[in-house]
Structure formats: structure tokens, C-alpha cells
Amino acid sequence: MIIVNLDVMMARRKMSLNELSEHVGITVANLSILKTGKAKAVRFSTLDAICHALDCTPGDILEFRPEAE
């Protein structure tokens, strides 16, 4: 399972969803879908823009957790 820690990084950088949306150039609605983990995919260009805006790496935002069997 992939966990999205976008809200954690935004809190650490004291950045709102609206501010991140302006920096990244995608809608608040699309960022919200990503933030809640409901996105099925994310473009590398979007991930790159988010990492640049939050001064972080993809590993700070995305985390893999094996599902319990």
C-alpha cells in the first residue's frame, strides 16, 4: 500500500493547500485528491513540482507499507 504524506510535509513547511496549488500549478481539488490518498496515479512532473515547492524528496511524500496478509 502506498501512503501519501503530503499533509505532513505541508504542515512542516507551514504551507496551505491553496499556496501549494499556486506554486505547483494544479487545482486545489486535484491536490486534495492526492493528499487524501484517493489518486490512482501521479505524474512525475507533478511530483517534481511538489517536491520543489516543499523542498523535499519523493520519499518524504510517498511511503510504501506492506499490506497485512
N, C-alpha and C. Protein backbone atom coordinates (compact mmCIF):
# COMPACT_ATOMS: atom_id res chain seq x y z
N MET A 1 0.85 -1.17 0.00
CA MET A 1 0.00 0.00 0.00
C MET A 1 0.90 1.24 0.00
N ILE A 2 0.53 2.22 -0.80
CA ILE A 2 1.27 3.48 -0.86
C ILE A 2 0.55 4.52 0.01
N ILE A 3 1.27 5.10 0.93
CA ILE A 3 0.74 6.13 1.82
C ILE A 3 1.25 7.48 1.34
N VAL A 4 0.35 8.45 1.25
CA VAL A 4 0.72 9.80 0.82
C VAL A 4 0.82 10.69 2.06
N ASN A 5 2.02 11.21 2.30
CA ASN A 5 2.28 12.07 3.46
C ASN A 5 2.36 13.54 3.08
N LEU A 6 1.59 13.93 2.08
CA LEU A 6 1.62 15.32 1.61
C LEU A 6 1.22 16.29 2.71
N ASP A 7 0.21 15.94 3.49
CA ASP A 7 -0.24 16.81 4.57
C ASP A 7 0.84 17.02 5.63
N VAL A 8 1.63 15.98 5.87
CA VAL A 8 2.72 16.08 6.85
C VAL A 8 3.78 17.08 6.37
N MET A 9 4.17 16.95 5.09
CA MET A 9 5.18 17.86 4.54
C MET A 9 4.66 19.28 4.46
N MET A 10 3.38 19.44 4.12
CA MET A 10 2.79 20.79 4.07
C MET A 10 2.80 21.42 5.47
N ALA A 11 2.49 20.64 6.49
CA ALA A 11 2.49 21.15 7.86
C ALA A 11 3.91 21.54 8.29
N ARG A 12 4.90 20.71 7.93
CA ARG A 12 6.29 21.02 8.30
C ARG A 12 6.77 22.31 7.64
N ARG A 13 6.29 22.55 6.43
CA ARG A 13 6.70 23.76 5.69
C ARG A 13 5.74 24.93 5.91
N LYS A 14 4.71 24.68 6.73
CA LYS A 14 3.70 25.71 7.02
C LYS A 14 3.10 26.28 5.74
N MET A 15 2.71 25.37 4.84
CA MET A 15 2.15 25.76 3.56
C MET A 15 0.73 25.22 3.45
N SER A 16 -0.19 26.06 3.03
CA SER A 16 -1.58 25.64 2.86
C SER A 16 -1.77 24.97 1.51
N LEU A 17 -2.89 24.32 1.35
CA LEU A 17 -3.23 23.67 0.09
C LEU A 17 -3.33 24.71 -1.03
N ASN A 18 -3.90 25.87 -0.71
CA ASN A 18 -4.01 26.94 -1.71
C ASN A 18 -2.63 27.44 -2.14
N GLU A 19 -1.73 27.63 -1.20
CA GLU A 19 -0.38 28.09 -1.53
C GLU A 19 0.34 27.05 -2.39
N LEU A 20 0.24 25.78 -2.01
CA LEU A 20 0.90 24.73 -2.78
C LEU A 20 0.32 24.66 -4.19
N SER A 21 -0.98 24.81 -4.30
CA SER A 21 -1.64 24.80 -5.60
C SER A 21 -1.07 25.90 -6.50
N GLU A 22 -0.87 27.08 -5.95
CA GLU A 22 -0.31 28.20 -6.72
C GLU A 22 1.12 27.90 -7.15
N HIS A 23 1.92 27.33 -6.27
CA HIS A 23 3.32 27.02 -6.58
C HIS A 23 3.44 25.91 -7.64
N VAL A 24 2.57 24.90 -7.53
CA VAL A 24 2.66 23.72 -8.38
C VAL A 24 1.93 23.92 -9.71
N GLY A 25 0.88 24.71 -9.69
CA GLY A 25 0.13 24.95 -10.92
C GLY A 25 -0.93 23.91 -11.21
N ILE A 26 -1.43 23.24 -10.17
CA ILE A 26 -2.57 22.34 -10.34
C ILE A 26 -3.66 22.76 -9.36
N THR A 27 -4.87 22.31 -9.63
CA THR A 27 -6.01 22.78 -8.84
C THR A 27 -5.96 22.26 -7.40
N VAL A 28 -6.63 22.99 -6.54
CA VAL A 28 -6.75 22.58 -5.14
C VAL A 28 -7.48 21.24 -5.08
N ALA A 29 -8.48 21.06 -5.93
CA ALA A 29 -9.24 19.79 -5.95
C ALA A 29 -8.33 18.62 -6.27
N ASN A 30 -7.46 18.76 -7.27
CA ASN A 30 -6.55 17.66 -7.62
C ASN A 30 -5.52 17.42 -6.52
N LEU A 31 -5.03 18.47 -5.90
CA LEU A 31 -4.10 18.29 -4.77
C LEU A 31 -4.79 17.60 -3.61
N SER A 32 -6.04 17.94 -3.38
CA SER A 32 -6.81 17.33 -2.30
C SER A 32 -6.98 15.84 -2.54
N ILE A 33 -7.24 15.44 -3.79
CA ILE A 33 -7.36 14.03 -4.13
C ILE A 33 -6.05 13.31 -3.85
N LEU A 34 -4.95 13.93 -4.20
CA LEU A 34 -3.63 13.34 -3.94
C LEU A 34 -3.37 13.26 -2.43
N LYS A 35 -3.68 14.34 -1.74
CA LYS A 35 -3.42 14.43 -0.30
C LYS A 35 -4.18 13.37 0.49
N THR A 36 -5.40 13.07 0.07
CA THR A 36 -6.21 12.09 0.79
C THR A 36 -5.92 10.66 0.38
N GLY A 37 -5.01 10.48 -0.58
CA GLY A 37 -4.64 9.14 -1.00
C GLY A 37 -5.61 8.51 -1.97
N LYS A 38 -6.52 9.30 -2.54
CA LYS A 38 -7.52 8.77 -3.46
C LYS A 38 -7.06 8.78 -4.92
N ALA A 39 -5.90 9.38 -5.18
CA ALA A 39 -5.38 9.43 -6.55
C ALA A 39 -4.91 8.04 -6.97
N LYS A 40 -5.16 7.70 -8.22
CA LYS A 40 -4.73 6.42 -8.77
C LYS A 40 -3.32 6.52 -9.33
N ALA A 41 -2.89 7.74 -9.66
CA ALA A 41 -1.56 7.95 -10.25
C ALA A 41 -1.15 9.40 -10.02
N VAL A 42 0.15 9.63 -10.16
CA VAL A 42 0.67 11.00 -10.09
C VAL A 42 1.76 11.11 -11.15
N ARG A 43 1.73 12.18 -11.90
CA ARG A 43 2.75 12.40 -12.93
C ARG A 43 4.07 12.78 -12.27
N PHE A 44 5.16 12.34 -12.89
CA PHE A 44 6.47 12.72 -12.37
C PHE A 44 6.65 14.23 -12.37
N SER A 45 6.10 14.91 -13.37
CA SER A 45 6.23 16.36 -13.43
C SER A 45 5.51 17.02 -12.26
N THR A 46 4.37 16.46 -11.86
CA THR A 46 3.63 16.98 -10.70
C THR A 46 4.40 16.70 -9.43
N LEU A 47 4.90 15.49 -9.29
CA LEU A 47 5.69 15.13 -8.11
C LEU A 47 6.93 16.00 -8.01
N ASP A 48 7.57 16.25 -9.14
CA ASP A 48 8.75 17.12 -9.18
C ASP A 48 8.40 18.53 -8.71
N ALA A 49 7.29 19.06 -9.19
CA ALA A 49 6.87 20.42 -8.81
C ALA A 49 6.53 20.49 -7.32
N ILE A 50 5.87 19.46 -6.80
CA ILE A 50 5.53 19.42 -5.37
C ILE A 50 6.80 19.37 -4.53
N CYS A 51 7.74 18.51 -4.93
CA CYS A 51 9.00 18.39 -4.18
C CYS A 51 9.78 19.70 -4.22
N HIS A 52 9.76 20.36 -5.35
CA HIS A 52 10.46 21.65 -5.47
C HIS A 52 9.80 22.68 -4.55
N ALA A 53 8.46 22.75 -4.56
CA ALA A 53 7.74 23.73 -3.74
C ALA A 53 7.92 23.47 -2.24
N LEU A 54 7.99 22.20 -1.85
CA LEU A 54 8.10 21.85 -0.43
C LEU A 54 9.54 21.57 0.01
N ASP A 55 10.48 21.69 -0.93
CA ASP A 55 11.89 21.42 -0.64
C ASP A 55 12.06 20.07 0.04
N CYS A 56 11.60 19.03 -0.67
CA CYS A 56 11.68 17.67 -0.12
C CYS A 56 11.95 16.68 -1.26
N THR A 57 11.99 15.41 -0.92
CA THR A 57 12.19 14.36 -1.92
C THR A 57 10.89 13.57 -2.06
N PRO A 58 10.74 12.79 -3.15
CA PRO A 58 9.54 11.97 -3.29
C PRO A 58 9.33 11.01 -2.10
N GLY A 59 10.43 10.53 -1.52
CA GLY A 59 10.34 9.65 -0.36
C GLY A 59 9.77 10.31 0.88
N ASP A 60 9.82 11.65 0.92
CA ASP A 60 9.21 12.37 2.03
C ASP A 60 7.69 12.41 1.89
N ILE A 61 7.21 12.27 0.67
CA ILE A 61 5.78 12.38 0.38
C ILE A 61 5.11 11.01 0.23
N LEU A 62 5.81 10.09 -0.43
CA LEU A 62 5.23 8.77 -0.69
C LEU A 62 5.93 7.71 0.15
N GLU A 63 5.14 6.83 0.74
CA GLU A 63 5.69 5.79 1.62
C GLU A 63 5.02 4.46 1.27
N PHE A 64 5.81 3.40 1.24
CA PHE A 64 5.28 2.06 0.98
C PHE A 64 5.14 1.31 2.29
N ARG A 65 3.93 0.76 2.50
CA ARG A 65 3.70 -0.10 3.67
C ARG A 65 3.09 -1.40 3.17
N PRO A 66 3.74 -2.52 3.43
CA PRO A 66 3.17 -3.80 3.01
C PRO A 66 1.82 -4.03 3.68
N GLU A 67 0.88 -4.55 2.91
CA GLU A 67 -0.44 -4.85 3.49
C GLU A 67 -0.35 -6.11 4.34
N ALA A 68 -1.11 -6.15 5.40
CA ALA A 68 -1.15 -7.34 6.27
C ALA A 68 -1.80 -8.48 5.50
N GLU A 69 -1.24 -9.66 5.65
CA GLU A 69 -1.78 -10.83 4.94
C GLU A 69 -2.76 -11.57 5.79
